[in-house]
N, C-alpha and C. Protein backbone atom coordinates (compact mmCIF):
# COMPACT_ATOMS: atom_id res chain seq x y z
N LYS A 1 -179.54 -26.91 76.61
CA LYS A 1 -178.50 -26.39 77.31
C LYS A 1 -177.92 -27.20 78.32
N LYS A 2 -176.64 -27.59 78.68
CA LYS A 2 -176.14 -28.31 79.64
C LYS A 2 -175.70 -27.52 80.80
N VAL A 3 -176.46 -27.90 81.93
CA VAL A 3 -176.19 -27.28 83.20
C VAL A 3 -174.49 -27.59 83.77
N PRO A 4 -174.01 -26.59 84.09
CA PRO A 4 -172.39 -27.06 84.49
C PRO A 4 -172.66 -27.77 85.89
N PRO A 5 -171.98 -28.44 86.51
CA PRO A 5 -171.80 -29.30 87.68
C PRO A 5 -171.50 -28.29 88.74
N ILE A 6 -172.18 -28.44 89.90
CA ILE A 6 -171.75 -27.77 91.03
C ILE A 6 -170.38 -28.08 91.50
N ARG A 7 -169.47 -26.88 91.91
CA ARG A 7 -168.22 -26.96 92.28
C ARG A 7 -168.09 -27.17 93.89
N ILE A 8 -167.58 -27.86 94.32
CA ILE A 8 -167.39 -28.17 95.79
C ILE A 8 -165.76 -28.32 96.25
N ASN A 9 -165.65 -27.67 97.20
CA ASN A 9 -164.33 -27.51 97.90
C ASN A 9 -163.99 -28.47 99.14
N LEU A 10 -163.51 -29.59 98.79
CA LEU A 10 -163.07 -30.42 99.89
C LEU A 10 -161.82 -30.34 100.29
N SER A 11 -161.35 -29.34 100.22
CA SER A 11 -159.77 -29.16 100.41
C SER A 11 -159.54 -29.23 101.96
N ASN A 12 -160.46 -28.93 102.87
CA ASN A 12 -160.27 -29.12 104.24
C ASN A 12 -161.24 -30.14 104.75
N CYS A 13 -161.44 -31.56 103.97
CA CYS A 13 -162.45 -32.34 104.48
C CYS A 13 -161.65 -33.50 104.49
N LYS A 14 -161.54 -34.29 105.63
CA LYS A 14 -160.68 -35.84 105.32
C LYS A 14 -161.59 -36.69 105.24
N TYR A 15 -162.99 -36.57 105.29
CA TYR A 15 -163.92 -37.92 104.98
C TYR A 15 -164.03 -38.38 103.59
N GLU A 16 -163.77 -39.28 103.25
CA GLU A 16 -164.00 -40.05 101.72
C GLU A 16 -165.58 -40.18 101.60
N VAL A 17 -166.28 -40.05 102.54
CA VAL A 17 -167.57 -40.39 102.00
C VAL A 17 -168.09 -38.89 101.30
N LEU A 18 -167.73 -37.85 101.79
CA LEU A 18 -167.95 -36.56 101.05
C LEU A 18 -167.38 -36.66 99.73
N ARG A 19 -166.50 -37.17 99.49
CA ARG A 19 -165.88 -37.33 97.88
C ARG A 19 -166.80 -38.50 97.06
N VAL A 20 -167.53 -39.63 97.87
CA VAL A 20 -168.02 -40.72 97.17
C VAL A 20 -169.53 -40.03 96.77
N VAL A 21 -170.16 -39.06 97.75
CA VAL A 21 -171.27 -38.49 97.52
C VAL A 21 -171.32 -37.30 96.50
N GLN A 22 -170.23 -36.76 96.28
CA GLN A 22 -169.78 -35.67 95.41
C GLN A 22 -169.93 -36.28 93.95
N ARG A 23 -169.09 -37.39 93.98
CA ARG A 23 -169.01 -38.08 92.63
C ARG A 23 -170.32 -38.78 92.04
N LYS A 24 -171.05 -39.36 93.05
CA LYS A 24 -172.33 -39.79 92.92
C LYS A 24 -173.51 -38.70 92.22
N LEU A 25 -173.26 -37.51 92.68
CA LEU A 25 -174.05 -36.27 92.40
C LEU A 25 -173.68 -35.71 90.95
N GLY A 26 -172.51 -35.95 90.59
CA GLY A 26 -171.98 -35.59 89.63
C GLY A 26 -171.20 -34.23 89.73
N TRP A 27 -171.08 -33.86 90.93
CA TRP A 27 -170.51 -32.52 91.25
C TRP A 27 -168.89 -32.50 91.10
N LYS A 28 -168.38 -31.37 90.75
CA LYS A 28 -166.94 -31.33 90.33
C LYS A 28 -166.08 -30.90 91.85
N GLU A 29 -165.11 -31.50 92.34
CA GLU A 29 -164.29 -31.52 93.38
C GLU A 29 -163.36 -30.38 92.86
N VAL A 30 -163.05 -29.34 93.43
CA VAL A 30 -162.15 -28.17 93.12
C VAL A 30 -161.34 -27.75 94.07
N GLY A 31 -160.28 -27.15 94.09
CA GLY A 31 -159.40 -26.60 95.23
C GLY A 31 -159.39 -25.26 95.71
N ASP A 32 -158.59 -24.72 96.58
CA ASP A 32 -158.79 -23.41 97.10
C ASP A 32 -158.68 -22.27 96.10
N ASP A 33 -157.81 -22.61 94.92
CA ASP A 33 -157.60 -21.68 93.98
C ASP A 33 -158.49 -21.65 92.56
N GLU A 34 -159.72 -22.12 93.00
CA GLU A 34 -160.65 -22.22 92.08
C GLU A 34 -162.20 -21.77 92.57
N ASP A 35 -162.85 -21.31 91.65
CA ASP A 35 -164.33 -20.95 92.16
C ASP A 35 -165.06 -22.14 92.57
N TRP A 36 -165.77 -21.94 93.52
CA TRP A 36 -166.78 -23.07 94.11
C TRP A 36 -168.26 -22.34 94.64
N GLU A 37 -169.00 -23.37 94.68
CA GLU A 37 -170.43 -23.01 95.17
C GLU A 37 -170.57 -23.60 96.51
N ILE A 38 -169.76 -24.76 97.13
CA ILE A 38 -170.05 -25.40 98.33
C ILE A 38 -168.54 -25.46 98.70
N TYR A 39 -168.48 -25.09 100.03
CA TYR A 39 -167.42 -25.24 100.77
C TYR A 39 -167.57 -26.19 101.87
N TRP A 40 -166.90 -27.52 101.75
CA TRP A 40 -167.43 -28.16 102.96
C TRP A 40 -165.83 -28.38 103.86
N THR A 41 -165.89 -28.06 105.19
CA THR A 41 -165.03 -28.22 106.03
C THR A 41 -165.15 -29.04 107.30
N ASP A 42 -164.24 -29.76 107.82
CA ASP A 42 -164.13 -30.48 108.95
C ASP A 42 -164.21 -29.74 110.33
N THR A 43 -163.56 -28.24 110.13
CA THR A 43 -163.49 -27.28 111.22
C THR A 43 -164.39 -26.06 111.16
N SER A 44 -164.50 -25.32 112.10
CA SER A 44 -165.03 -24.15 112.22
C SER A 44 -164.64 -23.08 111.34
N VAL A 45 -165.40 -22.45 111.06
CA VAL A 45 -165.27 -21.24 110.04
C VAL A 45 -165.20 -19.88 110.42
N SER A 46 -164.22 -18.96 109.82
CA SER A 46 -164.09 -17.88 110.92
C SER A 46 -164.94 -16.77 110.17
N ILE A 47 -164.98 -15.69 110.97
CA ILE A 47 -165.98 -14.80 110.41
C ILE A 47 -165.55 -13.96 108.95
N GLU A 48 -164.19 -14.04 108.96
CA GLU A 48 -163.59 -13.43 107.96
C GLU A 48 -164.28 -14.35 106.53
N ARG A 49 -163.80 -15.59 106.61
CA ARG A 49 -164.27 -16.34 105.45
C ARG A 49 -165.65 -16.23 105.09
N ILE A 50 -166.54 -16.09 105.89
CA ILE A 50 -167.93 -16.01 105.93
C ILE A 50 -168.55 -14.60 105.05
N MET A 51 -167.87 -13.44 105.66
CA MET A 51 -168.13 -12.37 105.12
C MET A 51 -167.40 -12.47 103.66
N LYS A 52 -166.43 -12.99 103.14
CA LYS A 52 -166.16 -13.03 101.89
C LYS A 52 -167.14 -13.71 100.72
N LEU A 53 -167.97 -14.69 101.29
CA LEU A 53 -169.04 -15.38 100.52
C LEU A 53 -169.80 -14.46 99.69
N ASN A 54 -170.02 -15.05 98.39
CA ASN A 54 -170.76 -14.17 97.46
C ASN A 54 -172.31 -15.09 97.90
N LYS A 55 -173.23 -14.35 96.77
CA LYS A 55 -174.52 -15.00 97.24
C LYS A 55 -174.81 -16.15 96.68
N THR A 56 -173.98 -16.85 95.63
CA THR A 56 -174.14 -18.37 95.44
C THR A 56 -173.49 -19.18 96.06
N GLN A 57 -172.58 -18.85 97.30
CA GLN A 57 -171.56 -19.90 97.92
C GLN A 57 -172.42 -20.44 99.18
N LYS A 58 -172.10 -21.18 99.62
CA LYS A 58 -172.66 -21.95 100.80
C LYS A 58 -171.30 -22.80 101.30
N ILE A 59 -171.45 -22.63 102.90
CA ILE A 59 -170.38 -23.36 103.75
C ILE A 59 -171.25 -24.45 104.80
N ASN A 60 -170.75 -25.25 104.89
CA ASN A 60 -171.65 -26.44 106.10
C ASN A 60 -171.42 -26.00 107.53
N HIS A 61 -170.69 -24.93 107.68
CA HIS A 61 -170.34 -24.33 109.11
C HIS A 61 -171.00 -23.03 109.20
N PHE A 62 -171.25 -22.45 110.22
CA PHE A 62 -171.48 -20.91 110.50
C PHE A 62 -170.50 -20.28 111.67
N ASN A 63 -170.11 -19.25 111.73
CA ASN A 63 -169.58 -18.80 112.36
C ASN A 63 -170.22 -18.69 113.95
N GLY A 64 -169.57 -19.30 115.07
CA GLY A 64 -170.08 -19.49 116.66
C GLY A 64 -170.72 -20.91 116.60
N MET A 65 -170.45 -21.58 115.75
CA MET A 65 -171.23 -23.01 115.54
C MET A 65 -170.60 -23.96 116.86
N LEU A 66 -169.41 -23.74 117.21
CA LEU A 66 -169.01 -24.52 118.35
C LEU A 66 -169.79 -24.26 119.66
N GLU A 67 -170.34 -22.72 119.57
CA GLU A 67 -171.36 -22.67 120.84
C GLU A 67 -172.23 -23.60 120.84
N ILE A 68 -173.14 -24.20 119.96
CA ILE A 68 -173.99 -25.10 120.31
C ILE A 68 -173.67 -26.53 119.83
N CYS A 69 -172.53 -26.71 119.42
CA CYS A 69 -172.07 -28.12 119.04
C CYS A 69 -171.36 -28.82 119.80
N ARG A 70 -170.83 -28.25 120.83
CA ARG A 70 -169.98 -28.76 121.81
C ARG A 70 -170.70 -28.83 123.20
N LYS A 71 -170.71 -30.03 123.74
CA LYS A 71 -171.67 -30.30 124.80
C LYS A 71 -171.61 -29.37 125.74
N LYS A 72 -170.34 -29.10 126.21
CA LYS A 72 -170.00 -28.21 127.39
C LYS A 72 -170.65 -26.67 127.02
N SER A 73 -170.20 -26.20 126.02
CA SER A 73 -170.76 -24.88 125.52
C SER A 73 -172.33 -24.92 125.45
N MET A 74 -172.74 -26.00 124.66
CA MET A 74 -174.34 -25.93 124.49
C MET A 74 -174.98 -26.15 126.14
N ALA A 75 -174.33 -26.86 127.17
CA ALA A 75 -175.29 -27.07 128.35
C ALA A 75 -175.05 -25.54 128.91
N ARG A 76 -173.79 -24.83 129.23
CA ARG A 76 -173.88 -23.68 129.51
C ARG A 76 -174.94 -22.69 129.01
N ASN A 77 -174.65 -22.62 127.72
CA ASN A 77 -175.89 -21.72 127.06
C ASN A 77 -177.07 -21.96 127.30
N LEU A 78 -177.35 -23.31 127.31
CA LEU A 78 -178.91 -23.57 127.63
C LEU A 78 -179.45 -23.24 129.16
N ALA A 79 -178.29 -23.50 130.15
CA ALA A 79 -178.53 -23.27 131.21
C ALA A 79 -178.83 -21.36 131.37
N LYS A 80 -178.09 -20.72 130.80
CA LYS A 80 -178.21 -19.13 130.95
C LYS A 80 -179.64 -18.80 130.37
N MET A 81 -179.75 -19.55 129.23
CA MET A 81 -181.29 -19.07 128.52
C MET A 81 -182.39 -19.78 129.60
N ALA A 82 -182.25 -20.80 130.37
CA ALA A 82 -183.09 -21.49 131.34
C ALA A 82 -183.54 -20.26 132.33
N LYS A 83 -182.43 -19.66 132.82
CA LYS A 83 -182.56 -18.82 133.86
C LYS A 83 -183.13 -17.55 133.41
N LEU A 84 -182.84 -17.11 132.23
CA LEU A 84 -183.70 -15.88 131.81
C LEU A 84 -185.12 -16.36 131.52
N PHE A 85 -185.46 -17.34 130.86
CA PHE A 85 -186.64 -17.86 130.11
C PHE A 85 -186.89 -19.33 130.77
N PRO A 86 -187.27 -19.47 131.85
CA PRO A 86 -187.65 -20.71 132.44
C PRO A 86 -188.99 -21.38 131.77
N GLU A 87 -189.87 -20.83 131.38
CA GLU A 87 -190.80 -21.31 130.75
C GLU A 87 -190.74 -21.97 129.30
N HIS A 88 -189.67 -21.17 128.72
CA HIS A 88 -189.51 -21.88 127.37
C HIS A 88 -188.02 -22.81 127.17
N PHE A 89 -187.33 -22.80 128.20
CA PHE A 89 -186.35 -23.61 128.28
C PHE A 89 -186.36 -24.83 129.31
N ASP A 90 -187.36 -25.41 129.14
CA ASP A 90 -187.55 -26.81 130.30
C ASP A 90 -187.27 -28.04 129.64
N PHE A 91 -187.06 -27.85 128.48
CA PHE A 91 -187.21 -29.15 127.41
C PHE A 91 -185.95 -29.92 127.51
N PHE A 92 -184.88 -29.59 128.46
CA PHE A 92 -183.66 -30.33 128.23
C PHE A 92 -183.37 -30.95 129.71
N PRO A 93 -182.76 -31.93 130.19
CA PRO A 93 -182.62 -32.52 131.46
C PRO A 93 -181.77 -31.45 132.05
N ARG A 94 -181.54 -31.72 133.42
CA ARG A 94 -180.65 -31.26 134.16
C ARG A 94 -179.15 -31.33 133.77
N THR A 95 -178.22 -30.59 133.33
CA THR A 95 -177.08 -30.88 133.05
C THR A 95 -176.12 -30.39 134.22
N PHE A 96 -174.91 -31.45 134.07
CA PHE A 96 -173.81 -30.93 134.90
C PHE A 96 -172.70 -30.91 133.92
N VAL A 97 -172.12 -30.10 134.33
CA VAL A 97 -170.51 -29.86 133.46
C VAL A 97 -169.30 -30.11 134.23
N LEU A 98 -168.68 -31.19 134.06
CA LEU A 98 -167.82 -31.56 135.16
C LEU A 98 -166.29 -31.14 134.50
N PRO A 99 -165.48 -30.87 135.73
CA PRO A 99 -165.28 -30.91 136.72
C PRO A 99 -166.10 -29.85 137.62
N ASN A 100 -166.72 -28.62 137.08
CA ASN A 100 -167.01 -27.36 137.69
C ASN A 100 -168.43 -28.04 138.45
N ASP A 101 -169.16 -28.71 138.13
CA ASP A 101 -170.59 -29.06 138.89
C ASP A 101 -170.39 -30.23 139.52
N THR A 102 -169.30 -30.86 139.89
CA THR A 102 -168.76 -32.28 140.75
C THR A 102 -169.71 -32.32 141.93
N GLN A 103 -169.66 -31.13 142.84
CA GLN A 103 -170.36 -31.12 143.94
C GLN A 103 -172.15 -31.07 143.59
N GLU A 104 -172.45 -30.33 142.75
CA GLU A 104 -173.84 -30.32 142.27
C GLU A 104 -174.33 -31.77 142.07
N LEU A 105 -173.61 -32.49 141.25
CA LEU A 105 -173.89 -33.89 140.98
C LEU A 105 -174.04 -34.78 141.94
N LEU A 106 -173.07 -34.64 142.86
CA LEU A 106 -172.84 -35.47 144.00
C LEU A 106 -174.09 -35.22 144.68
N ALA A 107 -174.48 -33.84 145.06
CA ALA A 107 -175.68 -33.49 145.87
C ALA A 107 -176.78 -34.13 145.18
N ASP A 108 -176.93 -34.17 143.81
CA ASP A 108 -178.26 -34.62 143.24
C ASP A 108 -178.20 -35.94 143.04
N VAL A 109 -177.34 -36.98 143.04
CA VAL A 109 -177.01 -38.30 143.22
C VAL A 109 -177.77 -38.65 144.65
N LYS A 110 -177.22 -37.89 145.75
CA LYS A 110 -177.39 -38.06 147.13
C LYS A 110 -179.09 -37.90 147.52
N ALA A 111 -179.50 -36.74 147.02
CA ALA A 111 -180.98 -36.42 146.84
C ALA A 111 -182.06 -37.36 146.18
N LYS A 112 -181.65 -37.85 145.13
CA LYS A 112 -182.34 -38.69 144.21
C LYS A 112 -182.02 -40.16 144.21
N GLY A 113 -181.22 -40.54 144.90
CA GLY A 113 -180.77 -41.98 144.93
C GLY A 113 -179.85 -42.41 143.76
N LYS A 114 -179.41 -43.61 144.07
CA LYS A 114 -178.36 -43.97 143.04
C LYS A 114 -178.78 -44.77 141.87
N LYS A 115 -180.08 -45.05 141.95
CA LYS A 115 -180.62 -45.51 140.54
C LYS A 115 -181.07 -44.46 139.39
N GLN A 116 -180.62 -43.35 139.47
CA GLN A 116 -180.85 -42.34 138.68
C GLN A 116 -179.99 -42.82 137.39
N VAL A 117 -180.44 -42.16 136.35
CA VAL A 117 -179.59 -42.44 135.02
C VAL A 117 -178.82 -40.77 134.71
N TYR A 118 -177.74 -40.78 134.49
CA TYR A 118 -176.94 -39.65 133.92
C TYR A 118 -176.18 -40.02 132.78
N ILE A 119 -176.53 -39.21 131.70
CA ILE A 119 -175.52 -39.15 130.49
C ILE A 119 -174.35 -38.17 130.65
C-alpha cells in the first residue's frame, strides 16, 4: 500500500530552499485551505494557531520563540536567570544591551583595557 506524501504548507515561507527540499523529499505543497502535517513559517506563531493544531500537525516555530531567538530578549532573559541561579547560568559571556547598557560597557572597557573582544 502506497503511503500518501507528507503535506507541507509553505504559504508563509519566502525561502525557495524549502520548496527545493520539499520536492526532493517527495512531499506535497499545499495551501491554507487544505489539510497539512507541517506548517513552515518565516514569522512567529500565535498561541491561537498552536491551540488549533491536531496531534498530527507540526509547526517550525513555537509561541514565545522570539524571547530566545532575538539577541536583546535572550540577553535580558539570561541575565534574569543568572541573577536567580548564578551557579547554573555562568556559561555565557557578560552581555551588554545597547543603548541601555552603554555606561556599563564603557566602565568594562575602562576596567579591562581596550584589548578586550566584544561581540
